[in-house]
Amino acid sequence: MKIGLTMPRYNIYSRINNRVDHMMKIGLLDEAKLYYNYKNLNSLQTIGYKEIFEFFSGKKNDLNESIEKIKRNTRRYAKRQLTWYRKDSSIIWFDSKEKNKILDFILKKQWAILDSNQ
């Protein structure tokens, strides 16, 4: 069973922006410093590290510009994910606020599976 959750793009983008701010507040910059010498590893070519490494190397002079780039790149990645998942016709989509509707759907599917196995 595949369930997808939707919400207005504004909410998604706001949550991404807040998450990046929170990551910076709890130490993403210091964490990236620990890994800077390994910046060429594939596992560190990810959103967040990549932009901060640019800042460390002097390609970006302003940390705030790098943070905004992390937010932008994360929003773009989220958009690509949604585009990818919307192509999957086996996903049942619900508004993220419809918790009771989602739970009812899951329970009905579960009972249908149990009934078919008897």
PDB file of N, CA and C in Angstrom:
ATOM      1  N   MET A   1       0.853  -1.163   0.000  1.00  0.00           N
ATOM      2  CA  MET A   1       0.000   0.000   0.000  1.00  0.00           C
ATOM      3  C   MET A   1       0.903   1.233   0.000  1.00  0.00           C
ATOM      4  N   LYS A   2       0.627   2.113  -0.922  1.00  0.00           N
ATOM      5  CA  LYS A   2       1.413   3.347  -1.012  1.00  0.00           C
ATOM      6  C   LYS A   2       0.472   4.531  -0.817  1.00  0.00           C
ATOM      7  N   ILE A   3       0.813   5.370   0.132  1.00  0.00           N
ATOM      8  CA  ILE A   3       0.021   6.556   0.422  1.00  0.00           C
ATOM      9  C   ILE A   3       0.915   7.775   0.273  1.00  0.00           C
ATOM     10  N   GLY A   4       0.417   8.744  -0.477  1.00  0.00           N
ATOM     11  CA  GLY A   4       1.126  10.004  -0.636  1.00  0.00           C
ATOM     12  C   GLY A   4       0.362  11.105   0.059  1.00  0.00           C
ATOM     13  N   LEU A   5       1.090  12.047   0.623  1.00  0.00           N
ATOM     14  CA  LEU A   5       0.479  13.175   1.312  1.00  0.00           C
ATOM     15  C   LEU A   5       0.738  14.448   0.524  1.00  0.00           C
ATOM     16  N   THR A   6      -0.309  15.235   0.376  1.00  0.00           N
ATOM     17  CA  THR A   6      -0.175  16.508  -0.328  1.00  0.00           C
ATOM     18  C   THR A   6      -0.399  17.648   0.653  1.00  0.00           C
ATOM     19  N   MET A   7       0.173  18.775   0.319  1.00  0.00           N
ATOM     20  CA  MET A   7      -0.087  20.008   1.049  1.00  0.00           C
ATOM     21  C   MET A   7       0.250  21.149   0.097  1.00  0.00           C
ATOM     22  N   PRO A   8      -0.275  22.322   0.348  1.00  0.00           N
ATOM     23  CA  PRO A   8       0.024  23.452  -0.534  1.00  0.00           C
ATOM     24  C   PRO A   8       1.532  23.693  -0.634  1.00  0.00           C
ATOM     25  N   ARG A   9       1.953  24.053  -1.823  1.00  0.00           N
ATOM     26  CA  ARG A   9       3.381  24.285  -2.070  1.00  0.00           C
ATOM     27  C   ARG A   9       3.960  25.299  -1.085  1.00  0.00           C
ATOM     28  N   TYR A  10       3.187  26.332  -0.775  1.00  0.00           N
ATOM     29  CA  TYR A  10       3.648  27.339   0.177  1.00  0.00           C
ATOM     30  C   TYR A  10       4.030  26.684   1.508  1.00  0.00           C
ATOM     31  N   ASN A  11       3.204  25.756   1.979  1.00  0.00           N
ATOM     32  CA  ASN A  11       3.479  25.078   3.251  1.00  0.00           C
ATOM     33  C   ASN A  11       4.738  24.218   3.158  1.00  0.00           C
ATOM     34  N   ILE A  12       4.881  23.521   2.038  1.00  0.00           N
ATOM     35  CA  ILE A  12       6.076  22.694   1.848  1.00  0.00           C
ATOM     36  C   ILE A  12       7.321  23.573   1.874  1.00  0.00           C
ATOM     37  N   TYR A  13       7.302  24.653   1.130  1.00  0.00           N
ATOM     38  CA  TYR A  13       8.458  25.534   1.056  1.00  0.00           C
ATOM     39  C   TYR A  13       8.748  26.185   2.407  1.00  0.00           C
ATOM     40  N   SER A  14       7.716  26.555   3.124  1.00  0.00           N
ATOM     41  CA  SER A  14       7.897  27.147   4.447  1.00  0.00           C
ATOM     42  C   SER A  14       8.536  26.139   5.394  1.00  0.00           C
ATOM     43  N   ARG A  15       8.090  24.900   5.339  1.00  0.00           N
ATOM     44  CA  ARG A  15       8.656  23.860   6.198  1.00  0.00           C
ATOM     45  C   ARG A  15      10.122  23.601   5.849  1.00  0.00           C
ATOM     46  N   ILE A  16      10.437  23.597   4.550  1.00  0.00           N
ATOM     47  CA  ILE A  16      11.828  23.421   4.120  1.00  0.00           C
ATOM     48  C   ILE A  16      12.686  24.560   4.655  1.00  0.00           C
ATOM     49  N   ASN A  17      12.227  25.788   4.473  1.00  0.00           N
ATOM     50  CA  ASN A  17      12.996  26.945   4.936  1.00  0.00           C
ATOM     51  C   ASN A  17      13.231  26.879   6.445  1.00  0.00           C
ATOM     52  N   ASN A  18      12.188  26.537   7.200  1.00  0.00           N
ATOM     53  CA  ASN A  18      12.322  26.441   8.658  1.00  0.00           C
ATOM     54  C   ASN A  18      13.275  25.313   9.043  1.00  0.00           C
ATOM     55  N   ARG A  19      13.217  24.212   8.305  1.00  0.00           N
ATOM     56  CA  ARG A  19      14.091  23.073   8.612  1.00  0.00           C
ATOM     57  C   ARG A  19      15.556  23.435   8.384  1.00  0.00           C
ATOM     58  N   VAL A  20      15.841  24.121   7.283  1.00  0.00           N
ATOM     59  CA  VAL A  20      17.228  24.531   7.013  1.00  0.00           C
ATOM     60  C   VAL A  20      17.703  25.489   8.101  1.00  0.00           C
ATOM     61  N   ASP A  21      16.855  26.445   8.493  1.00  0.00           N
ATOM     62  CA  ASP A  21      17.229  27.367   9.571  1.00  0.00           C
ATOM     63  C   ASP A  21      17.526  26.596  10.854  1.00  0.00           C
ATOM     64  N   HIS A  22      16.711  25.609  11.157  1.00  0.00           N
ATOM     65  CA  HIS A  22      16.907  24.800  12.360  1.00  0.00           C
ATOM     66  C   HIS A  22      18.220  24.001  12.262  1.00  0.00           C
ATOM     67  N   MET A  23      18.491  23.427  11.098  1.00  0.00           N
ATOM     68  CA  MET A  23      19.728  22.667  10.906  1.00  0.00           C
ATOM     69  C   MET A  23      20.949  23.564  11.127  1.00  0.00           C
ATOM     70  N   MET A  24      20.871  24.786  10.648  1.00  0.00           N
ATOM     71  CA  MET A  24      21.984  25.720  10.853  1.00  0.00           C
ATOM     72  C   MET A  24      22.120  26.047  12.335  1.00  0.00           C
ATOM     73  N   LYS A  25      20.993  26.220  13.001  1.00  0.00           N
ATOM     74  CA  LYS A  25      21.005  26.587  14.418  1.00  0.00           C
ATOM     75  C   LYS A  25      21.605  25.478  15.280  1.00  0.00           C
ATOM     76  N   ILE A  26      21.362  24.219  14.902  1.00  0.00           N
ATOM     77  CA  ILE A  26      21.854  23.123  15.742  1.00  0.00           C
ATOM     78  C   ILE A  26      23.220  22.593  15.300  1.00  0.00           C
ATOM     79  N   GLY A  27      23.857  23.256  14.315  1.00  0.00           N
ATOM     80  CA  GLY A  27      25.250  22.919  14.076  1.00  0.00           C
ATOM     81  C   GLY A  27      25.658  22.396  12.714  1.00  0.00           C
ATOM     82  N   LEU A  28      24.875  22.626  11.671  1.00  0.00           N
ATOM     83  CA  LEU A  28      25.270  22.137  10.342  1.00  0.00           C
ATOM     84  C   LEU A  28      26.610  22.738   9.909  1.00  0.00           C
ATOM     85  N   LEU A  29      26.830  23.989  10.209  1.00  0.00           N
ATOM     86  CA  LEU A  29      28.084  24.635   9.809  1.00  0.00           C
ATOM     87  C   LEU A  29      29.287  23.942  10.460  1.00  0.00           C
ATOM     88  N   ASP A  30      29.201  23.686  11.762  1.00  0.00           N
ATOM     89  CA  ASP A  30      30.293  23.003  12.461  1.00  0.00           C
ATOM     90  C   ASP A  30      30.481  21.576  11.955  1.00  0.00           C
ATOM     91  N   GLU A  31      29.367  20.907  11.682  1.00  0.00           N
ATOM     92  CA  GLU A  31      29.448  19.543  11.152  1.00  0.00           C
ATOM     93  C   GLU A  31      30.149  19.540   9.800  1.00  0.00           C
ATOM     94  N   ALA A  32      29.800  20.493   8.942  1.00  0.00           N
ATOM     95  CA  ALA A  32      30.420  20.568   7.621  1.00  0.00           C
ATOM     96  C   ALA A  32      31.920  20.844   7.730  1.00  0.00           C
ATOM     97  N   LYS A  33      32.323  21.627   8.727  1.00  0.00           N
ATOM     98  CA  LYS A  33      33.755  21.888   8.937  1.00  0.00           C
ATOM     99  C   LYS A  33      34.513  20.589   9.194  1.00  0.00           C
ATOM    100  N   LEU A  34      33.886  19.679   9.936  1.00  0.00           N
ATOM    101  CA  LEU A  34      34.531  18.393  10.235  1.00  0.00           C
ATOM    102  C   LEU A  34      34.804  17.582   8.968  1.00  0.00           C
ATOM    103  N   TYR A  35      33.954  17.745   7.980  1.00  0.00           N
ATOM    104  CA  TYR A  35      34.041  16.927   6.766  1.00  0.00           C
ATOM    105  C   TYR A  35      34.635  17.656   5.571  1.00  0.00           C
ATOM    106  N   TYR A  36      35.015  18.901   5.758  1.00  0.00           N
ATOM    107  CA  TYR A  36      35.492  19.702   4.622  1.00  0.00           C
ATOM    108  C   TYR A  36      36.645  19.048   3.875  1.00  0.00           C
ATOM    109  N   ASN A  37      37.575  18.424   4.572  1.00  0.00           N
ATOM    110  CA  ASN A  37      38.715  17.785   3.901  1.00  0.00           C
ATOM    111  C   ASN A  37      38.290  16.605   3.031  1.00  0.00           C
ATOM    112  N   TYR A  38      37.083  16.130   3.221  1.00  0.00           N
ATOM    113  CA  TYR A  38      36.558  14.986   2.455  1.00  0.00           C
ATOM    114  C   TYR A  38      35.494  15.422   1.456  1.00  0.00           C
ATOM    115  N   LYS A  39      35.464  16.709   1.141  1.00  0.00           N
ATOM    116  CA  LYS A  39      34.382  17.288   0.336  1.00  0.00           C
ATOM    117  C   LYS A  39      34.209  16.650  -1.034  1.00  0.00           C
ATOM    118  N   ASN A  40      35.215  15.960  -1.535  1.00  0.00           N
ATOM    119  CA  ASN A  40      35.119  15.347  -2.863  1.00  0.00           C
ATOM    120  C   ASN A  40      34.460  13.967  -2.850  1.00  0.00           C
ATOM    121  N   LEU A  41      34.190  13.427  -1.684  1.00  0.00           N
ATOM    122  CA  LEU A  41      33.514  12.130  -1.609  1.00  0.00           C
ATOM    123  C   LEU A  41      32.077  12.249  -2.106  1.00  0.00           C
ATOM    124  N   ASN A  42      31.628  11.235  -2.828  1.00  0.00           N
ATOM    125  CA  ASN A  42      30.266  11.251  -3.345  1.00  0.00           C
ATOM    126  C   ASN A  42      29.226  11.448  -2.246  1.00  0.00           C
ATOM    127  N   SER A  43      29.451  10.837  -1.101  1.00  0.00           N
ATOM    128  CA  SER A  43      28.480  10.924  -0.012  1.00  0.00           C
ATOM    129  C   SER A  43      28.331  12.338   0.546  1.00  0.00           C
ATOM    130  N   LEU A  44      29.249  13.225   0.213  1.00  0.00           N
ATOM    131  CA  LEU A  44      29.167  14.608   0.679  1.00  0.00           C
ATOM    132  C   LEU A  44      28.778  15.579  -0.433  1.00  0.00           C
ATOM    133  N   GLN A  45      28.383  15.046  -1.568  1.00  0.00           N
ATOM    134  CA  GLN A  45      27.927  15.877  -2.684  1.00  0.00           C
ATOM    135  C   GLN A  45      26.410  16.040  -2.600  1.00  0.00           C
ATOM    136  N   THR A  46      25.956  16.422  -1.429  1.00  0.00           N
ATOM    137  CA  THR A  46      24.524  16.512  -1.172  1.00  0.00           C
ATOM    138  C   THR A  46      24.139  17.949  -0.859  1.00  0.00           C
ATOM    139  N   ILE A  47      22.842  18.197  -0.975  1.00  0.00           N
ATOM    140  CA  ILE A  47      22.337  19.525  -0.636  1.00  0.00           C
ATOM    141  C   ILE A  47      22.669  19.798   0.820  1.00  0.00           C
ATOM    142  N   GLY A  48      23.181  20.944   1.069  1.00  0.00           N
ATOM    143  CA  GLY A  48      23.572  21.339   2.421  1.00  0.00           C
ATOM    144  C   GLY A  48      25.076  21.393   2.519  1.00  0.00           C
ATOM    145  N   TYR A  49      25.706  20.246   2.447  1.00  0.00           N
ATOM    146  CA  TYR A  49      27.169  20.221   2.492  1.00  0.00           C
ATOM    147  C   TYR A  49      27.768  20.960   1.299  1.00  0.00           C
ATOM    148  N   LYS A  50      27.244  20.660   0.131  1.00  0.00           N
ATOM    149  CA  LYS A  50      27.810  21.226  -1.094  1.00  0.00           C
ATOM    150  C   LYS A  50      27.840  22.763  -1.034  1.00  0.00           C
ATOM    151  N   GLU A  51      26.757  23.369  -0.604  1.00  0.00           N
ATOM    152  CA  GLU A  51      26.672  24.830  -0.561  1.00  0.00           C
ATOM    153  C   GLU A  51      27.578  25.411   0.531  1.00  0.00           C
ATOM    154  N   ILE A  52      27.671  24.712   1.653  1.00  0.00           N
ATOM    155  CA  ILE A  52      28.544  25.195   2.733  1.00  0.00           C
ATOM    156  C   ILE A  52      30.013  25.026   2.344  1.00  0.00           C
ATOM    157  N   PHE A  53      30.329  23.946   1.652  1.00  0.00           N
ATOM    158  CA  PHE A  53      31.704  23.765   1.173  1.00  0.00           C
ATOM    159  C   PHE A  53      32.086  24.889   0.209  1.00  0.00           C
ATOM    160  N   GLU A  54      31.142  25.338  -0.619  1.00  0.00           N
ATOM    161  CA  GLU A  54      31.414  26.480  -1.506  1.00  0.00           C
ATOM    162  C   GLU A  54      31.754  27.718  -0.676  1.00  0.00           C
ATOM    163  N   PHE A  55      31.033  27.902   0.409  1.00  0.00           N
ATOM    164  CA  PHE A  55      31.300  29.037   1.297  1.00  0.00           C
ATOM    165  C   PHE A  55      32.703  28.916   1.901  1.00  0.00           C
ATOM    166  N   PHE A  56      33.051  27.725   2.398  1.00  0.00           N
ATOM    167  CA  PHE A  56      34.375  27.523   3.000  1.00  0.00           C
ATOM    168  C   PHE A  56      35.501  27.763   1.994  1.00  0.00           C
ATOM    169  N   SER A  57      35.274  27.356   0.749  1.00  0.00           N
ATOM    170  CA  SER A  57      36.332  27.478  -0.259  1.00  0.00           C
ATOM    171  C   SER A  57      36.433  28.885  -0.841  1.00  0.00           C
ATOM    172  N   GLY A  58      35.531  29.776  -0.440  1.00  0.00           N
ATOM    173  CA  GLY A  58      35.585  31.156  -0.919  1.00  0.00           C
ATOM    174  C   GLY A  58      34.780  31.410  -2.180  1.00  0.00           C
ATOM    175  N   LYS A  59      34.116  30.395  -2.714  1.00  0.00           N
ATOM    176  CA  LYS A  59      33.287  30.603  -3.904  1.00  0.00           C
ATOM    177  C   LYS A  59      32.073  31.469  -3.573  1.00  0.00           C
ATOM    178  N   LYS A  60      31.640  31.386  -2.331  1.00  0.00           N
ATOM    179  CA  LYS A  60      30.551  32.234  -1.838  1.00  0.00           C
ATOM    180  C   LYS A  60      31.105  33.021  -0.662  1.00  0.00           C
ATOM    181  N   ASN A  61      30.964  34.347  -0.715  1.00  0.00           N
ATOM    182  CA  ASN A  61      31.517  35.191   0.342  1.00  0.00           C
ATOM    183  C   ASN A  61      30.566  35.373   1.506  1.00  0.00           C
ATOM    184  N   ASP A  62      29.314  35.061   1.309  1.00  0.00           N
ATOM    185  CA  ASP A  62      28.300  35.347   2.314  1.00  0.00           C
ATOM    186  C   ASP A  62      27.632  34.046   2.751  1.00  0.00           C
ATOM    187  N   LEU A  63      27.698  33.768   4.040  1.00  0.00           N
ATOM    188  CA  LEU A  63      27.071  32.561   4.564  1.00  0.00           C
ATOM    189  C   LEU A  63      25.562  32.577   4.317  1.00  0.00           C
ATOM    190  N   ASN A  64      24.931  33.729   4.461  1.00  0.00           N
ATOM    191  CA  ASN A  64      23.483  33.815   4.229  1.00  0.00           C
ATOM    192  C   ASN A  64      23.115  33.443   2.796  1.00  0.00           C
ATOM    193  N   GLU A  65      23.968  33.803   1.850  1.00  0.00           N
ATOM    194  CA  GLU A  65      23.744  33.430   0.451  1.00  0.00           C
ATOM    195  C   GLU A  65      23.804  31.909   0.294  1.00  0.00           C
ATOM    196  N   SER A  66      24.744  31.281   0.991  1.00  0.00           N
ATOM    197  CA  SER A  66      24.853  29.822   0.945  1.00  0.00           C
ATOM    198  C   SER A  66      23.634  29.162   1.581  1.00  0.00           C
ATOM    199  N   ILE A  67      23.154  29.728   2.672  1.00  0.00           N
ATOM    200  CA  ILE A  67      21.964  29.181   3.331  1.00  0.00           C
ATOM    201  C   ILE A  67      20.751  29.295   2.414  1.00  0.00           C
ATOM    202  N   GLU A  68      20.604  30.436   1.765  1.00  0.00           N
ATOM    203  CA  GLU A  68      19.485  30.614   0.829  1.00  0.00           C
ATOM    204  C   GLU A  68      19.590  29.634  -0.341  1.00  0.00           C
ATOM    205  N   LYS A  69      20.817  29.343  -0.758  1.00  0.00           N
ATOM    206  CA  LYS A  69      21.018  28.382  -1.840  1.00  0.00           C
ATOM    207  C   LYS A  69      20.634  26.969  -1.378  1.00  0.00           C
ATOM    208  N   ILE A  70      20.919  26.628  -0.126  1.00  0.00           N
ATOM    209  CA  ILE A  70      20.497  25.335   0.415  1.00  0.00           C
ATOM    210  C   ILE A  70      18.974  25.242   0.364  1.00  0.00           C
ATOM    211  N   LYS A  71      18.310  26.296   0.795  1.00  0.00           N
ATOM    212  CA  LYS A  71      16.839  26.313   0.793  1.00  0.00           C
ATOM    213  C   LYS A  71      16.297  26.155  -0.628  1.00  0.00           C
ATOM    214  N   ARG A  72      16.854  26.919  -1.540  1.00  0.00           N
ATOM    215  CA  ARG A  72      16.400  26.856  -2.927  1.00  0.00           C
ATOM    216  C   ARG A  72      16.615  25.470  -3.518  1.00  0.00           C
ATOM    217  N   ASN A  73      17.798  24.914  -3.328  1.00  0.00           N
ATOM    218  CA  ASN A  73      18.099  23.597  -3.886  1.00  0.00           C
ATOM    219  C   ASN A  73      17.235  22.510  -3.250  1.00  0.00           C
ATOM    220  N   THR A  74      16.932  22.650  -1.971  1.00  0.00           N
ATOM    221  CA  THR A  74      16.059  21.684  -1.295  1.00  0.00           C
ATOM    222  C   THR A  74      14.639  21.789  -1.845  1.00  0.00           C
ATOM    223  N   ARG A  75      14.162  23.006  -2.062  1.00  0.00           N
ATOM    224  CA  ARG A  75      12.816  23.182  -2.646  1.00  0.00           C
ATOM    225  C   ARG A  75      12.758  22.567  -4.041  1.00  0.00           C
ATOM    226  N   ARG A  76      13.797  22.766  -4.808  1.00  0.00           N
ATOM    227  CA  ARG A  76      13.832  22.182  -6.156  1.00  0.00           C
ATOM    228  C   ARG A  76      13.839  20.655  -6.095  1.00  0.00           C
ATOM    229  N   TYR A  77      14.575  20.110  -5.147  1.00  0.00           N
ATOM    230  CA  TYR A  77      14.624  18.660  -4.981  1.00  0.00           C
ATOM    231  C   TYR A  77      13.250  18.119  -4.578  1.00  0.00           C
ATOM    232  N   ALA A  78      12.586  18.816  -3.670  1.00  0.00           N
ATOM    233  CA  ALA A  78      11.241  18.402  -3.244  1.00  0.00           C
ATOM    234  C   ALA A  78      10.276  18.419  -4.429  1.00  0.00           C
ATOM    235  N   LYS A  79      10.402  19.406  -5.281  1.00  0.00           N
ATOM    236  CA  LYS A  79       9.533  19.487  -6.463  1.00  0.00           C
ATOM    237  C   LYS A  79       9.791  18.306  -7.402  1.00  0.00           C
ATOM    238  N   ARG A  80      11.059  17.955  -7.595  1.00  0.00           N
ATOM    239  CA  ARG A  80      11.384  16.802  -8.445  1.00  0.00           C
ATOM    240  C   ARG A  80      10.846  15.508  -7.841  1.00  0.00           C
ATOM    241  N   GLN A  81      10.933  15.392  -6.513  1.00  0.00           N
ATOM    242  CA  GLN A  81      10.392  14.202  -5.850  1.00  0.00           C
ATOM    243  C   GLN A  81       8.889  14.080  -6.105  1.00  0.00           C
ATOM    244  N   LEU A  82       8.170  15.177  -5.943  1.00  0.00           N
ATOM    245  CA  LEU A  82       6.720  15.143  -6.174  1.00  0.00           C
ATOM    246  C   LEU A  82       6.400  14.767  -7.614  1.00  0.00           C
ATOM    247  N   THR A  83       7.151  15.326  -8.541  1.00  0.00           N
ATOM    248  CA  THR A  83       6.946  14.990  -9.956  1.00  0.00           C
ATOM    249  C   THR A  83       7.165  13.501 -10.178  1.00  0.00           C
ATOM    250  N   TRP A  84       8.199  12.950  -9.593  1.00  0.00           N
ATOM    251  CA  TRP A  84       8.516  11.528  -9.729  1.00  0.00           C
ATOM    252  C   TRP A  84       7.393  10.669  -9.150  1.00  0.00           C
ATOM    253  N   TYR A  85       6.997  10.975  -7.927  1.00  0.00           N
ATOM    254  CA  TYR A  85       5.997  10.141  -7.251  1.00  0.00           C
ATOM    255  C   TYR A  85       4.611  10.259  -7.889  1.00  0.00           C
ATOM    256  N   ARG A  86       4.298  11.392  -8.472  1.00  0.00           N
ATOM    257  CA  ARG A  86       2.975  11.547  -9.100  1.00  0.00           C
ATOM    258  C   ARG A  86       2.826  10.658 -10.332  1.00  0.00           C
ATOM    259  N   LYS A  87       3.923  10.204 -10.877  1.00  0.00           N
ATOM    260  CA  LYS A  87       3.871   9.287 -12.024  1.00  0.00           C
ATOM    261  C   LYS A  87       3.496   7.873 -11.601  1.00  0.00           C
ATOM    262  N   ASP A  88       3.588   7.582 -10.315  1.00  0.00           N
ATOM    263  CA  ASP A  88       3.298   6.247  -9.797  1.00  0.00           C
ATOM    264  C   ASP A  88       1.801   6.134  -9.538  1.00  0.00           C
ATOM    265  N   SER A  89       1.113   5.443 -10.407  1.00  0.00           N
ATOM    266  CA  SER A  89      -0.349   5.343 -10.309  1.00  0.00           C
ATOM    267  C   SER A  89      -0.804   4.470  -9.147  1.00  0.00           C
ATOM    268  N   SER A  90       0.116   3.768  -8.501  1.00  0.00           N
ATOM    269  CA  SER A  90      -0.275   2.930  -7.362  1.00  0.00           C
ATOM    270  C   SER A  90      -0.337   3.717  -6.044  1.00  0.00           C
ATOM    271  N   ILE A  91       0.080   4.965  -6.081  1.00  0.00           N
ATOM    272  CA  ILE A  91       0.035   5.791  -4.871  1.00  0.00           C
ATOM    273  C   ILE A  91      -1.354   6.401  -4.734  1.00  0.00           C
ATOM    274  N   ILE A  92      -1.932   6.268  -3.538  1.00  0.00           N
ATOM    275  CA  ILE A  92      -3.203   6.902  -3.216  1.00  0.00           C
ATOM    276  C   ILE A  92      -2.869   8.193  -2.477  1.00  0.00           C
ATOM    277  N   TRP A  93      -3.318   9.317  -3.020  1.00  0.00           N
ATOM    278  CA  TRP A  93      -2.956  10.622  -2.481  1.00  0.00           C
ATOM    279  C   TRP A  93      -4.041  11.161  -1.557  1.00  0.00           C
ATOM    280  N   PHE A  94      -3.605  11.754  -0.456  1.00  0.00           N
ATOM    281  CA  PHE A  94      -4.484  12.396   0.512  1.00  0.00           C
ATOM    282  C   PHE A  94      -3.906  13.747   0.895  1.00  0.00           C
ATOM    283  N   ASP A  95      -4.785  14.662   1.249  1.00  0.00           N
ATOM    284  CA  ASP A  95      -4.345  15.916   1.849  1.00  0.00           C
ATOM    285  C   ASP A  95      -3.760  15.582   3.209  1.00  0.00           C
ATOM    286  N   SER A  96      -2.645  16.185   3.533  1.00  0.00           N
ATOM    287  CA  SER A  96      -1.953  15.847   4.787  1.00  0.00           C
ATOM    288  C   SER A  96      -2.791  16.147   6.029  1.00  0.00           C
ATOM    289  N   LYS A  97      -3.802  16.987   5.910  1.00  0.00           N
ATOM    290  CA  LYS A  97      -4.655  17.324   7.051  1.00  0.00           C
ATOM    291  C   LYS A  97      -5.755  16.293   7.295  1.00  0.00           C
ATOM    292  N   GLU A  98      -5.951  15.367   6.365  1.00  0.00           N
ATOM    293  CA  GLU A  98      -7.061  14.413   6.445  1.00  0.00           C
ATOM    294  C   GLU A  98      -6.654  13.137   7.183  1.00  0.00           C
ATOM    295  N   LYS A  99      -6.176  13.282   8.401  1.00  0.00           N
ATOM    296  CA  LYS A  99      -5.663  12.137   9.156  1.00  0.00           C
ATOM    297  C   LYS A  99      -6.711  11.043   9.352  1.00  0.00           C
ATOM    298  N   ASN A 100      -7.939  11.428   9.665  1.00  0.00           N
ATOM    299  CA  ASN A 100      -8.988  10.424   9.880  1.00  0.00           C
ATOM    300  C   ASN A 100      -9.329   9.689   8.585  1.00  0.00           C
ATOM    301  N   LYS A 101      -9.360  10.407   7.488  1.00  0.00           N
ATOM    302  CA  LYS A 101      -9.646   9.791   6.190  1.00  0.00           C
ATOM    303  C   LYS A 101      -8.541   8.797   5.810  1.00  0.00           C
ATOM    304  N   ILE A 102      -7.303   9.157   6.089  1.00  0.00           N
ATOM    305  CA  ILE A 102      -6.160   8.280   5.797  1.00  0.00           C
ATOM    306  C   ILE A 102      -6.244   7.023   6.655  1.00  0.00           C
ATOM    307  N   LEU A 103      -6.494   7.211   7.929  1.00  0.00           N
ATOM    308  CA  LEU A 103      -6.589   6.071   8.844  1.00  0.00           C
ATOM    309  C   LEU A 103      -7.742   5.150   8.443  1.00  0.00           C
ATOM    310  N   ASP A 104      -8.896   5.718   8.099  1.00  0.00           N
ATOM    311  CA  ASP A 104     -10.033   4.902   7.638  1.00  0.00           C
ATOM    312  C   ASP A 104      -9.662   4.095   6.406  1.00  0.00           C
ATOM    313  N   PHE A 105      -8.972   4.715   5.470  1.00  0.00           N
ATOM    314  CA  PHE A 105      -8.548   4.025   4.249  1.00  0.00           C
ATOM    315  C   PHE A 105      -7.644   2.838   4.590  1.00  0.00           C
ATOM    316  N   ILE A 106      -6.669   3.080   5.458  1.00  0.00           N
ATOM    317  CA  ILE A 106      -5.728   2.015   5.837  1.00  0.00           C
ATOM    318  C   ILE A 106      -6.471   0.870   6.518  1.00  0.00           C
ATOM    319  N   LEU A 107      -7.355   1.202   7.447  1.00  0.00           N
ATOM    320  CA  LEU A 107      -8.094   0.161   8.166  1.00  0.00           C
ATOM    321  C   LEU A 107      -8.988  -0.647   7.227  1.00  0.00           C
ATOM    322  N   LYS A 108      -9.649   0.022   6.283  1.00  0.00           N
ATOM    323  CA  LYS A 108     -10.494  -0.691   5.319  1.00  0.00           C
ATOM    324  C   LYS A 108      -9.659  -1.623   4.448  1.00  0.00           C
ATOM    325  N   LYS A 109      -8.512  -1.159   4.022  1.00  0.00           N
ATOM    326  CA  LYS A 109      -7.620  -2.002   3.213  1.00  0.00           C
ATOM    327  C   LYS A 109      -7.131  -3.197   4.027  1.00  0.00           C
ATOM    328  N   GLN A 110      -6.789  -2.936   5.274  1.00  0.00           N
ATOM    329  CA  GLN A 110      -6.293  -3.997   6.135  1.00  0.00           C
ATOM    330  C   GLN A 110      -7.380  -5.064   6.341  1.00  0.00           C
ATOM    331  N   TRP A 111      -8.618  -4.632   6.593  1.00  0.00           N
ATOM    332  CA  TRP A 111      -9.712  -5.588   6.779  1.00  0.00           C
ATOM    333  C   TRP A 111      -9.989  -6.355   5.498  1.00  0.00           C
ATOM    334  N   ALA A 112      -9.892  -5.669   4.369  1.00  0.00           N
ATOM    335  CA  ALA A 112     -10.121  -6.348   3.083  1.00  0.00           C
ATOM    336  C   ALA A 112      -9.068  -7.428   2.857  1.00  0.00           C
ATOM    337  N   ILE A 113      -7.845  -7.152   3.237  1.00  0.00           N
ATOM    338  CA  ILE A 113      -6.775  -8.156   3.093  1.00  0.00           C
ATOM    339  C   ILE A 113      -7.028  -9.330   4.030  1.00  0.00           C
ATOM    340  N   LEU A 114      -7.406  -9.029   5.263  1.00  0.00           N
ATOM    341  CA  LEU A 114      -7.687 -10.102   6.232  1.00  0.00           C
ATOM    342  C   LEU A 114      -8.858 -10.958   5.768  1.00  0.00           C
ATOM    343  N   ASP A 115      -9.910 -10.343   5.240  1.00  0.00           N
ATOM    344  CA  ASP A 115     -11.078 -11.086   4.755  1.00  0.00           C
ATOM    345  C   ASP A 115     -10.721 -11.966   3.569  1.00  0.00           C
ATOM    346  N   SER A 116      -9.861 -11.483   2.701  1.00  0.00           N
ATOM    347  CA  SER A 116      -9.505 -12.258   1.512  1.00  0.00           C
ATOM    348  C   SER A 116      -8.612 -13.462   1.856  1.00  0.00           C
ATOM    349  N   ASN A 117      -7.946 -13.407   3.007  1.00  0.00           N
ATOM    350  CA  ASN A 117      -7.068 -14.509   3.417  1.00  0.00           C
ATOM    351  C   ASN A 117      -7.822 -15.608   4.159  1.00  0.00           C
ATOM    352  N   GLN A 118      -9.083 -15.380   4.452  1.00  0.00           N
ATOM    353  CA  GLN A 118      -9.842 -16.399   5.196  1.00  0.00           C
ATOM    354  C   GLN A 118     -10.594 -17.320   4.289  1.00  0.00           C
TER     355      GLN A 118
END
